[in-house]
Amino acid sequence: MDPDTFLYWGHAVVGYTLAIIKKNAEADQSKIGVQLGRICIEKNVPVYTVASYFGMTRAGIYYWFCGEREPRKVNAKEIEEFIKTLAE
């Protein structure tokens, strides 16, 4: 395996640091931003893609992924749809 490849829930992951992966795994999984992070990490969706889609900075998305901040409630429905699309 390439040294830049990590395993996360049995999936090879490139592009996310071990620190982000660990923070996401340890965060409150009931939070929608953490759920978004989990599937983006699993599916190897670049954070800049998520940031562009939601009109956010990469830092803001990382805060969601790690459970440090919550997305605005107005974004919740759109985030749920994004998660569903990735899950398919």
C-alpha atoms as a PDB file:
ATOM      1  CA  MET A   1       0.000   0.000   0.000  1.00  0.00           C
ATOM      2  CA  ASP A   2       1.214   3.516  -0.812  1.00  0.00           C
ATOM      3  CA  PRO A   3       2.559   5.283   2.311  1.00  0.00           C
ATOM      4  CA  ASP A   4       0.126   8.168   1.723  1.00  0.00           C
ATOM      5  CA  THR A   5      -2.843   5.783   1.817  1.00  0.00           C
ATOM      6  CA  PHE A   6      -4.664   5.145   5.088  1.00  0.00           C
ATOM      7  CA  LEU A   7      -7.366   2.690   6.057  1.00  0.00           C
ATOM      8  CA  TYR A   8     -10.571   4.137   7.476  1.00  0.00           C
ATOM      9  CA  TRP A   9     -13.377   1.732   8.307  1.00  0.00           C
ATOM     10  CA  GLY A  10     -11.718  -0.755   5.983  1.00  0.00           C
ATOM     11  CA  HIS A  11     -11.438   1.682   3.065  1.00  0.00           C
ATOM     12  CA  ALA A  12      -8.254   3.082   1.541  1.00  0.00           C
ATOM     13  CA  VAL A  13      -8.183   6.840   2.003  1.00  0.00           C
ATOM     14  CA  VAL A  14      -5.920   9.387   0.346  1.00  0.00           C
ATOM     15  CA  GLY A  15      -6.043  13.088   1.076  1.00  0.00           C
ATOM     16  CA  TYR A  16      -7.228  13.308   4.684  1.00  0.00           C
ATOM     17  CA  THR A  17      -4.730  13.459   7.525  1.00  0.00           C
ATOM     18  CA  LEU A  18      -4.802  10.930  10.307  1.00  0.00           C
ATOM     19  CA  ALA A  19      -5.631  13.785  12.691  1.00  0.00           C
ATOM     20  CA  ILE A  20      -8.817  14.664  10.761  1.00  0.00           C
ATOM     21  CA  ILE A  21      -9.776  11.003  10.437  1.00  0.00           C
ATOM     22  CA  LYS A  22      -9.261  10.474  14.177  1.00  0.00           C
ATOM     23  CA  LYS A  23     -11.157  13.637  15.174  1.00  0.00           C
ATOM     24  CA  ASN A  24     -14.057  12.630  12.937  1.00  0.00           C
ATOM     25  CA  ALA A  25     -14.130   9.102  14.377  1.00  0.00           C
ATOM     26  CA  GLU A  26     -14.117  10.448  17.949  1.00  0.00           C
ATOM     27  CA  ALA A  27     -16.708  13.183  17.329  1.00  0.00           C
ATOM     28  CA  ASP A  28     -20.424  12.997  18.143  1.00  0.00           C
ATOM     29  CA  GLN A  29     -21.796  10.895  15.277  1.00  0.00           C
ATOM     30  CA  SER A  30     -25.277  12.344  15.735  1.00  0.00           C
ATOM     31  CA  LYS A  31     -24.060  15.665  14.313  1.00  0.00           C
ATOM     32  CA  ILE A  32     -24.803  16.077  10.631  1.00  0.00           C
ATOM     33  CA  GLY A  33     -21.435  17.705   9.912  1.00  0.00           C
ATOM     34  CA  VAL A  34     -19.646  14.725  11.446  1.00  0.00           C
ATOM     35  CA  GLN A  35     -21.804  12.358   9.384  1.00  0.00           C
ATOM     36  CA  LEU A  36     -20.903  14.357   6.287  1.00  0.00           C
ATOM     37  CA  GLY A  37     -17.242  14.084   7.219  1.00  0.00           C
ATOM     38  CA  ARG A  38     -17.429  10.353   7.717  1.00  0.00           C
ATOM     39  CA  ILE A  39     -18.883   9.688   4.284  1.00  0.00           C
ATOM     40  CA  CYS A  40     -16.581  12.183   2.561  1.00  0.00           C
ATOM     41  CA  ILE A  41     -13.570  10.497   4.150  1.00  0.00           C
ATOM     42  CA  GLU A  42     -14.925   7.042   3.268  1.00  0.00           C
ATOM     43  CA  LYS A  43     -15.665   8.025  -0.342  1.00  0.00           C
ATOM     44  CA  ASN A  44     -12.483  10.120  -0.619  1.00  0.00           C
ATOM     45  CA  VAL A  45     -14.388  13.272  -1.592  1.00  0.00           C
ATOM     46  CA  PRO A  46     -11.955  16.207  -1.442  1.00  0.00           C
ATOM     47  CA  VAL A  47     -12.773  18.829   1.173  1.00  0.00           C
ATOM     48  CA  TYR A  48     -12.459  21.574  -1.454  1.00  0.00           C
ATOM     49  CA  THR A  49     -15.276  19.916  -3.410  1.00  0.00           C
ATOM     50  CA  VAL A  50     -17.527  20.004  -0.337  1.00  0.00           C
ATOM     51  CA  ALA A  51     -16.476  23.579   0.469  1.00  0.00           C
ATOM     52  CA  SER A  52     -17.249  24.739  -3.073  1.00  0.00           C
ATOM     53  CA  TYR A  53     -20.611  22.981  -3.085  1.00  0.00           C
ATOM     54  CA  PHE A  54     -21.723  24.618   0.167  1.00  0.00           C
ATOM     55  CA  GLY A  55     -20.048  27.979  -0.452  1.00  0.00           C
ATOM     56  CA  MET A  56     -17.803  27.542   2.566  1.00  0.00           C
ATOM     57  CA  THR A  57     -14.093  27.636   3.317  1.00  0.00           C
ATOM     58  CA  ARG A  58     -12.188  24.392   3.690  1.00  0.00           C
ATOM     59  CA  ALA A  59     -11.532  25.303   7.324  1.00  0.00           C
ATOM     60  CA  GLY A  60     -15.267  25.644   7.961  1.00  0.00           C
ATOM     61  CA  ILE A  61     -15.909  22.211   6.472  1.00  0.00           C
ATOM     62  CA  TYR A  62     -13.152  20.684   8.616  1.00  0.00           C
ATOM     63  CA  TYR A  63     -14.853  22.194  11.699  1.00  0.00           C
ATOM     64  CA  TRP A  64     -18.067  20.423  10.661  1.00  0.00           C
ATOM     65  CA  PHE A  65     -16.236  17.141  10.021  1.00  0.00           C
ATOM     66  CA  CYS A  66     -14.643  17.243  13.493  1.00  0.00           C
ATOM     67  CA  GLY A  67     -17.821  18.277  15.294  1.00  0.00           C
ATOM     68  CA  GLU A  68     -16.293  21.572  16.420  1.00  0.00           C
ATOM     69  CA  ARG A  69     -19.017  23.605  14.731  1.00  0.00           C
ATOM     70  CA  GLU A  70     -22.542  22.858  13.560  1.00  0.00           C
ATOM     71  CA  PRO A  71     -23.842  23.741  10.104  1.00  0.00           C
ATOM     72  CA  ARG A  72     -26.668  26.245  10.057  1.00  0.00           C
ATOM     73  CA  LYS A  73     -30.058  24.593  10.279  1.00  0.00           C
ATOM     74  CA  VAL A  74     -30.960  26.075   6.900  1.00  0.00           C
ATOM     75  CA  ASN A  75     -28.194  23.896   5.361  1.00  0.00           C
ATOM     76  CA  ALA A  76     -29.289  20.664   7.057  1.00  0.00           C
ATOM     77  CA  LYS A  77     -31.627  19.477   4.285  1.00  0.00           C
ATOM     78  CA  GLU A  78     -29.024  20.139   1.600  1.00  0.00           C
ATOM     79  CA  ILE A  79     -26.368  18.318   3.634  1.00  0.00           C
ATOM     80  CA  GLU A  80     -28.697  15.335   4.087  1.00  0.00           C
ATOM     81  CA  GLU A  81     -29.210  15.193   0.312  1.00  0.00           C
ATOM     82  CA  PHE A  82     -25.463  15.435  -0.287  1.00  0.00           C
ATOM     83  CA  ILE A  83     -24.889  12.538   2.121  1.00  0.00           C
ATOM     84  CA  LYS A  84     -27.603  10.456   0.417  1.00  0.00           C
ATOM     85  CA  THR A  85     -26.015  11.086  -2.984  1.00  0.00           C
ATOM     86  CA  LEU A  86     -22.614   9.929  -1.743  1.00  0.00           C
ATOM     87  CA  ALA A  87     -24.124   6.865  -0.061  1.00  0.00           C
ATOM     88  CA  GLU A  88     -25.575   5.564  -3.336  1.00  0.00           C
END
